[in-house]
């Protein structure tokens, strides 16, 4: 399983006055259909890195230190760290599996509107995260249909078993916007 369906590079673009770290997709290789739905009016894809401080009542192995949130407060993925090295962090995650997200409440009418999950058709995919030591860059590898084996796949990434595939994906990545 050394083929990834998509490589996504996120660069930290946090404005000086922002409290939440903001990352923008700067390069991609391969194809991941939900990315199209995440574009903002400026044709950019922005993610927010949210630290999970709350005392979620679950097993320690299922606690995520962070999650990435995107357009319309959609949770892209929790980030489960498996290894921290001098060079950075290796982690894994997965998309939300439900067909619909938590309903959004209209501020004027008070009505709740169901929201379709942009990741529903890719719910069986898994994500690998390579995070630079200073958290300035987050690379995401989409493993098609890899959801149920993603933790083991992340360990293989940490063990350098995907170095060639990663090098290929990085080498073929193209900028999505010119800066």
C-alpha atoms as a PDB file:
ATOM      1  CA  UNK A   1       0.000   0.000   0.000  1.00  0.00           C
ATOM      2  CA  UNK A   2       2.619   2.538  -0.993  1.00  0.00           C
ATOM      3  CA  UNK A   3       0.304   4.369  -3.356  1.00  0.00           C
ATOM      4  CA  UNK A   4      -1.459   7.423  -2.087  1.00  0.00           C
ATOM      5  CA  UNK A   5      -4.427   8.915  -3.914  1.00  0.00           C
ATOM      6  CA  UNK A   6      -3.512  12.481  -2.945  1.00  0.00           C
ATOM      7  CA  UNK A   7      -0.784  14.582  -1.368  1.00  0.00           C
ATOM      8  CA  UNK A   8      -1.802  17.885   0.226  1.00  0.00           C
ATOM      9  CA  UNK A   9       0.666  20.438   1.558  1.00  0.00           C
ATOM     10  CA  UNK A  10      -0.583  22.923   4.144  1.00  0.00           C
ATOM     11  CA  UNK A  11       1.539  25.961   4.994  1.00  0.00           C
ATOM     12  CA  UNK A  12       0.999  28.049   8.097  1.00  0.00           C
ATOM     13  CA  UNK A  13      -0.518  31.393   7.037  1.00  0.00           C
ATOM     14  CA  UNK A  14      -1.740  32.568  10.414  1.00  0.00           C
ATOM     15  CA  UNK A  15      -2.382  36.322  10.482  1.00  0.00           C
ATOM     16  CA  UNK A  16      -0.546  38.099  13.302  1.00  0.00           C
ATOM     17  CA  UNK A  17      -3.757  38.965  15.151  1.00  0.00           C
ATOM     18  CA  UNK A  18      -5.287  35.452  14.943  1.00  0.00           C
ATOM     19  CA  UNK A  19      -5.572  33.188  17.968  1.00  0.00           C
ATOM     20  CA  UNK A  20      -6.065  29.952  16.012  1.00  0.00           C
ATOM     21  CA  UNK A  21      -3.305  28.652  13.705  1.00  0.00           C
ATOM     22  CA  UNK A  22      -4.437  28.910  10.080  1.00  0.00           C
ATOM     23  CA  UNK A  23      -3.064  26.744   7.285  1.00  0.00           C
ATOM     24  CA  UNK A  24      -3.609  27.081   3.567  1.00  0.00           C
ATOM     25  CA  UNK A  25      -3.351  24.358   0.943  1.00  0.00           C
ATOM     26  CA  UNK A  26      -0.421  25.418  -1.228  1.00  0.00           C
ATOM     27  CA  UNK A  27       0.360  22.264  -3.240  1.00  0.00           C
ATOM     28  CA  UNK A  28      -1.370  19.059  -4.216  1.00  0.00           C
ATOM     29  CA  UNK A  29      -0.594  15.918  -6.176  1.00  0.00           C
ATOM     30  CA  UNK A  30      -3.162  13.327  -7.112  1.00  0.00           C
ATOM     31  CA  UNK A  31      -6.866  13.783  -6.621  1.00  0.00           C
ATOM     32  CA  UNK A  32      -9.193  14.012  -3.632  1.00  0.00           C
ATOM     33  CA  UNK A  33     -12.715  15.096  -4.701  1.00  0.00           C
ATOM     34  CA  UNK A  34     -13.780  16.767  -1.407  1.00  0.00           C
ATOM     35  CA  UNK A  35     -11.059  19.404  -1.822  1.00  0.00           C
ATOM     36  CA  UNK A  36     -13.165  21.152  -4.477  1.00  0.00           C
ATOM     37  CA  UNK A  37     -16.010  21.659  -1.989  1.00  0.00           C
ATOM     38  CA  UNK A  38     -13.666  23.241   0.550  1.00  0.00           C
ATOM     39  CA  UNK A  39     -12.618  26.208  -1.586  1.00  0.00           C
ATOM     40  CA  UNK A  40     -13.546  29.642  -0.305  1.00  0.00           C
ATOM     41  CA  UNK A  41     -14.701  32.515  -2.575  1.00  0.00           C
ATOM     42  CA  UNK A  42     -11.032  33.390  -3.248  1.00  0.00           C
ATOM     43  CA  UNK A  43     -10.474  29.820  -4.531  1.00  0.00           C
ATOM     44  CA  UNK A  44      -8.329  29.006  -1.506  1.00  0.00           C
ATOM     45  CA  UNK A  45      -8.605  26.095   0.901  1.00  0.00           C
ATOM     46  CA  UNK A  46      -8.006  27.075   4.507  1.00  0.00           C
ATOM     47  CA  UNK A  47      -7.735  24.830   7.561  1.00  0.00           C
ATOM     48  CA  UNK A  48      -7.643  25.748  11.234  1.00  0.00           C
ATOM     49  CA  UNK A  49      -5.589  23.747  13.710  1.00  0.00           C
ATOM     50  CA  UNK A  50      -7.656  23.314  16.863  1.00  0.00           C
ATOM     51  CA  UNK A  51      -6.075  22.027  20.070  1.00  0.00           C
ATOM     52  CA  UNK A  52      -8.303  19.532  21.868  1.00  0.00           C
ATOM     53  CA  UNK A  53      -8.086  20.699  25.474  1.00  0.00           C
ATOM     54  CA  UNK A  54     -11.365  19.313  26.680  1.00  0.00           C
ATOM     55  CA  UNK A  55     -11.391  16.219  28.832  1.00  0.00           C
ATOM     56  CA  UNK A  56     -13.106  13.920  26.391  1.00  0.00           C
ATOM     57  CA  UNK A  57     -14.072  10.763  28.221  1.00  0.00           C
ATOM     58  CA  UNK A  58     -12.478   8.040  26.090  1.00  0.00           C
ATOM     59  CA  UNK A  59      -9.521   5.659  26.022  1.00  0.00           C
ATOM     60  CA  UNK A  60      -6.142   7.380  25.917  1.00  0.00           C
ATOM     61  CA  UNK A  61      -5.391   5.770  22.526  1.00  0.00           C
ATOM     62  CA  UNK A  62      -8.467   7.457  21.034  1.00  0.00           C
ATOM     63  CA  UNK A  63      -7.702  10.947  22.326  1.00  0.00           C
ATOM     64  CA  UNK A  64      -6.548  13.293  19.629  1.00  0.00           C
ATOM     65  CA  UNK A  65      -4.363  16.217  20.598  1.00  0.00           C
ATOM     66  CA  UNK A  66      -5.576  18.311  17.657  1.00  0.00           C
ATOM     67  CA  UNK A  67      -8.019  18.384  14.811  1.00  0.00           C
ATOM     68  CA  UNK A  68      -8.124  20.220  11.506  1.00  0.00           C
ATOM     69  CA  UNK A  69     -11.226  22.204  10.796  1.00  0.00           C
ATOM     70  CA  UNK A  70     -12.116  23.626   7.402  1.00  0.00           C
ATOM     71  CA  UNK A  71     -14.800  25.701   5.674  1.00  0.00           C
ATOM     72  CA  UNK A  72     -18.088  26.062   7.591  1.00  0.00           C
ATOM     73  CA  UNK A  73     -16.557  24.522  10.746  1.00  0.00           C
ATOM     74  CA  UNK A  74     -16.355  21.088   9.150  1.00  0.00           C
ATOM     75  CA  UNK A  75     -13.983  18.723  10.928  1.00  0.00           C
ATOM     76  CA  UNK A  76     -11.523  17.434   8.314  1.00  0.00           C
ATOM     77  CA  UNK A  77      -9.876  15.022  10.742  1.00  0.00           C
ATOM     78  CA  UNK A  78      -8.617  14.527  14.244  1.00  0.00           C
ATOM     79  CA  UNK A  79      -4.839  14.198  14.469  1.00  0.00           C
ATOM     80  CA  UNK A  80      -3.578  11.172  16.412  1.00  0.00           C
ATOM     81  CA  UNK A  81       0.167  11.473  16.984  1.00  0.00           C
ATOM     82  CA  UNK A  82       2.060   8.195  16.908  1.00  0.00           C
ATOM     83  CA  UNK A  83       5.632   9.431  16.853  1.00  0.00           C
ATOM     84  CA  UNK A  84       7.511  12.624  17.540  1.00  0.00           C
ATOM     85  CA  UNK A  85      11.070  12.784  16.297  1.00  0.00           C
ATOM     86  CA  UNK A  86      13.692  15.485  15.988  1.00  0.00           C
ATOM     87  CA  UNK A  87      12.435  16.028  12.450  1.00  0.00           C
ATOM     88  CA  UNK A  88       8.770  16.421  13.302  1.00  0.00           C
ATOM     89  CA  UNK A  89       5.584  14.515  13.966  1.00  0.00           C
ATOM     90  CA  UNK A  90       3.962  11.486  12.309  1.00  0.00           C
ATOM     91  CA  UNK A  91       0.229  11.158  12.870  1.00  0.00           C
ATOM     92  CA  UNK A  92      -2.922   9.696  11.363  1.00  0.00           C
ATOM     93  CA  UNK A  93      -6.609  10.503  11.078  1.00  0.00           C
ATOM     94  CA  UNK A  94      -9.779   9.767   9.164  1.00  0.00           C
ATOM     95  CA  UNK A  95     -12.798  11.596   7.757  1.00  0.00           C
ATOM     96  CA  UNK A  96     -16.139  11.700   9.506  1.00  0.00           C
ATOM     97  CA  UNK A  97     -18.150   8.687   8.316  1.00  0.00           C
ATOM     98  CA  UNK A  98     -21.728   9.984   8.629  1.00  0.00           C
ATOM     99  CA  UNK A  99     -23.770  11.117   5.641  1.00  0.00           C
ATOM    100  CA  UNK A 100     -24.679  14.346   7.417  1.00  0.00           C
ATOM    101  CA  UNK A 101     -22.818  16.681   9.754  1.00  0.00           C
ATOM    102  CA  UNK A 102     -24.219  18.326  12.840  1.00  0.00           C
ATOM    103  CA  UNK A 103     -27.082  20.591  11.688  1.00  0.00           C
ATOM    104  CA  UNK A 104     -26.334  24.265  11.351  1.00  0.00           C
ATOM    105  CA  UNK A 105     -28.672  26.632  13.163  1.00  0.00           C
ATOM    106  CA  UNK A 106     -29.894  29.667  11.230  1.00  0.00           C
ATOM    107  CA  UNK A 107     -29.312  32.734  13.422  1.00  0.00           C
ATOM    108  CA  UNK A 108     -32.415  34.539  12.149  1.00  0.00           C
ATOM    109  CA  UNK A 109     -35.001  31.765  12.072  1.00  0.00           C
ATOM    110  CA  UNK A 110     -33.563  29.389  14.652  1.00  0.00           C
ATOM    111  CA  UNK A 111     -34.174  26.464  12.265  1.00  0.00           C
ATOM    112  CA  UNK A 112     -31.611  23.726  12.048  1.00  0.00           C
ATOM    113  CA  UNK A 113     -30.574  22.682   8.561  1.00  0.00           C
ATOM    114  CA  UNK A 114     -28.959  19.303   7.912  1.00  0.00           C
ATOM    115  CA  UNK A 115     -25.564  19.642   6.270  1.00  0.00           C
ATOM    116  CA  UNK A 116     -24.224  17.019   3.889  1.00  0.00           C
ATOM    117  CA  UNK A 117     -20.821  15.628   4.801  1.00  0.00           C
ATOM    118  CA  UNK A 118     -18.381  16.520   1.962  1.00  0.00           C
ATOM    119  CA  UNK A 119     -16.248  13.501   2.951  1.00  0.00           C
ATOM    120  CA  UNK A 120     -19.078  10.947   2.980  1.00  0.00           C
ATOM    121  CA  UNK A 121     -18.148   9.331  -0.354  1.00  0.00           C
ATOM    122  CA  UNK A 122     -14.554   9.095   0.879  1.00  0.00           C
ATOM    123  CA  UNK A 123     -15.423   7.893   4.391  1.00  0.00           C
ATOM    124  CA  UNK A 124     -13.305   4.744   3.999  1.00  0.00           C
ATOM    125  CA  UNK A 125     -10.133   6.720   3.313  1.00  0.00           C
ATOM    126  CA  UNK A 126      -7.459   7.346   5.906  1.00  0.00           C
ATOM    127  CA  UNK A 127      -5.048  10.230   6.362  1.00  0.00           C
ATOM    128  CA  UNK A 128      -1.378  10.295   7.246  1.00  0.00           C
ATOM    129  CA  UNK A 129       0.095  13.520   8.580  1.00  0.00           C
ATOM    130  CA  UNK A 130       3.728  14.593   8.445  1.00  0.00           C
ATOM    131  CA  UNK A 131       4.144  17.714  10.550  1.00  0.00           C
ATOM    132  CA  UNK A 132       7.327  19.763  10.616  1.00  0.00           C
ATOM    133  CA  UNK A 133       9.052  20.190  13.952  1.00  0.00           C
ATOM    134  CA  UNK A 134       7.932  23.829  14.221  1.00  0.00           C
ATOM    135  CA  UNK A 135       4.418  23.019  12.909  1.00  0.00           C
ATOM    136  CA  UNK A 136       4.878  25.437   9.985  1.00  0.00           C
ATOM    137  CA  UNK A 137       4.046  22.732   7.421  1.00  0.00           C
ATOM    138  CA  UNK A 138       1.526  19.899   7.584  1.00  0.00           C
ATOM    139  CA  UNK A 139       1.608  17.332   4.799  1.00  0.00           C
ATOM    140  CA  UNK A 140      -1.401  15.085   4.333  1.00  0.00           C
ATOM    141  CA  UNK A 141      -1.321  11.796   2.456  1.00  0.00           C
ATOM    142  CA  UNK A 142      -4.714  10.382   1.560  1.00  0.00           C
ATOM    143  CA  UNK A 143      -4.771   6.579   1.674  1.00  0.00           C
ATOM    144  CA  UNK A 144      -7.713   5.462  -0.439  1.00  0.00           C
ATOM    145  CA  UNK A 145      -9.839   2.877   1.403  1.00  0.00           C
ATOM    146  CA  UNK A 146      -7.215   2.858   4.164  1.00  0.00           C
ATOM    147  CA  UNK A 147      -9.372   3.911   7.114  1.00  0.00           C
ATOM    148  CA  UNK A 148      -9.382   0.618   8.975  1.00  0.00           C
ATOM    149  CA  UNK A 149      -5.618   0.058   8.689  1.00  0.00           C
ATOM    150  CA  UNK A 150      -4.489   3.671   9.002  1.00  0.00           C
ATOM    151  CA  UNK A 151      -2.764   3.355  12.380  1.00  0.00           C
ATOM    152  CA  UNK A 152      -0.546   0.542  11.075  1.00  0.00           C
ATOM    153  CA  UNK A 153       0.045   2.465   7.862  1.00  0.00           C
ATOM    154  CA  UNK A 154       1.144   5.469   9.930  1.00  0.00           C
ATOM    155  CA  UNK A 155       3.638   3.269  11.747  1.00  0.00           C
ATOM    156  CA  UNK A 156       5.037   2.137   8.378  1.00  0.00           C
ATOM    157  CA  UNK A 157       5.407   5.810   7.430  1.00  0.00           C
ATOM    158  CA  UNK A 158       7.255   6.442  10.705  1.00  0.00           C
ATOM    159  CA  UNK A 159       9.497   3.466   9.901  1.00  0.00           C
ATOM    160  CA  UNK A 160      10.457   5.127   6.573  1.00  0.00           C
ATOM    161  CA  UNK A 161       8.791   2.406   4.486  1.00  0.00           C
ATOM    162  CA  UNK A 162       7.071   4.949   2.227  1.00  0.00           C
ATOM    163  CA  UNK A 163      10.020   7.242   1.571  1.00  0.00           C
ATOM    164  CA  UNK A 164      10.057   6.603  -2.199  1.00  0.00           C
ATOM    165  CA  UNK A 165       6.295   7.077  -2.577  1.00  0.00           C
ATOM    166  CA  UNK A 166       6.466  10.247  -0.488  1.00  0.00           C
ATOM    167  CA  UNK A 167       9.365  11.572  -2.562  1.00  0.00           C
ATOM    168  CA  UNK A 168       7.349  10.930  -5.741  1.00  0.00           C
ATOM    169  CA  UNK A 169       4.255  12.688  -4.393  1.00  0.00           C
ATOM    170  CA  UNK A 170       6.271  15.707  -3.251  1.00  0.00           C
ATOM    171  CA  UNK A 171       8.053  15.812  -6.609  1.00  0.00           C
ATOM    172  CA  UNK A 172       4.823  15.849  -8.608  1.00  0.00           C
ATOM    173  CA  UNK A 173       2.951  18.317  -6.376  1.00  0.00           C
ATOM    174  CA  UNK A 174       1.780  21.478  -8.100  1.00  0.00           C
ATOM    175  CA  UNK A 175       0.882  24.812  -6.518  1.00  0.00           C
ATOM    176  CA  UNK A 176      -2.853  25.432  -6.440  1.00  0.00           C
ATOM    177  CA  UNK A 177      -2.472  29.240  -6.528  1.00  0.00           C
ATOM    178  CA  UNK A 178       0.320  31.584  -7.466  1.00  0.00           C
ATOM    179  CA  UNK A 179       1.421  33.855  -4.634  1.00  0.00           C
END
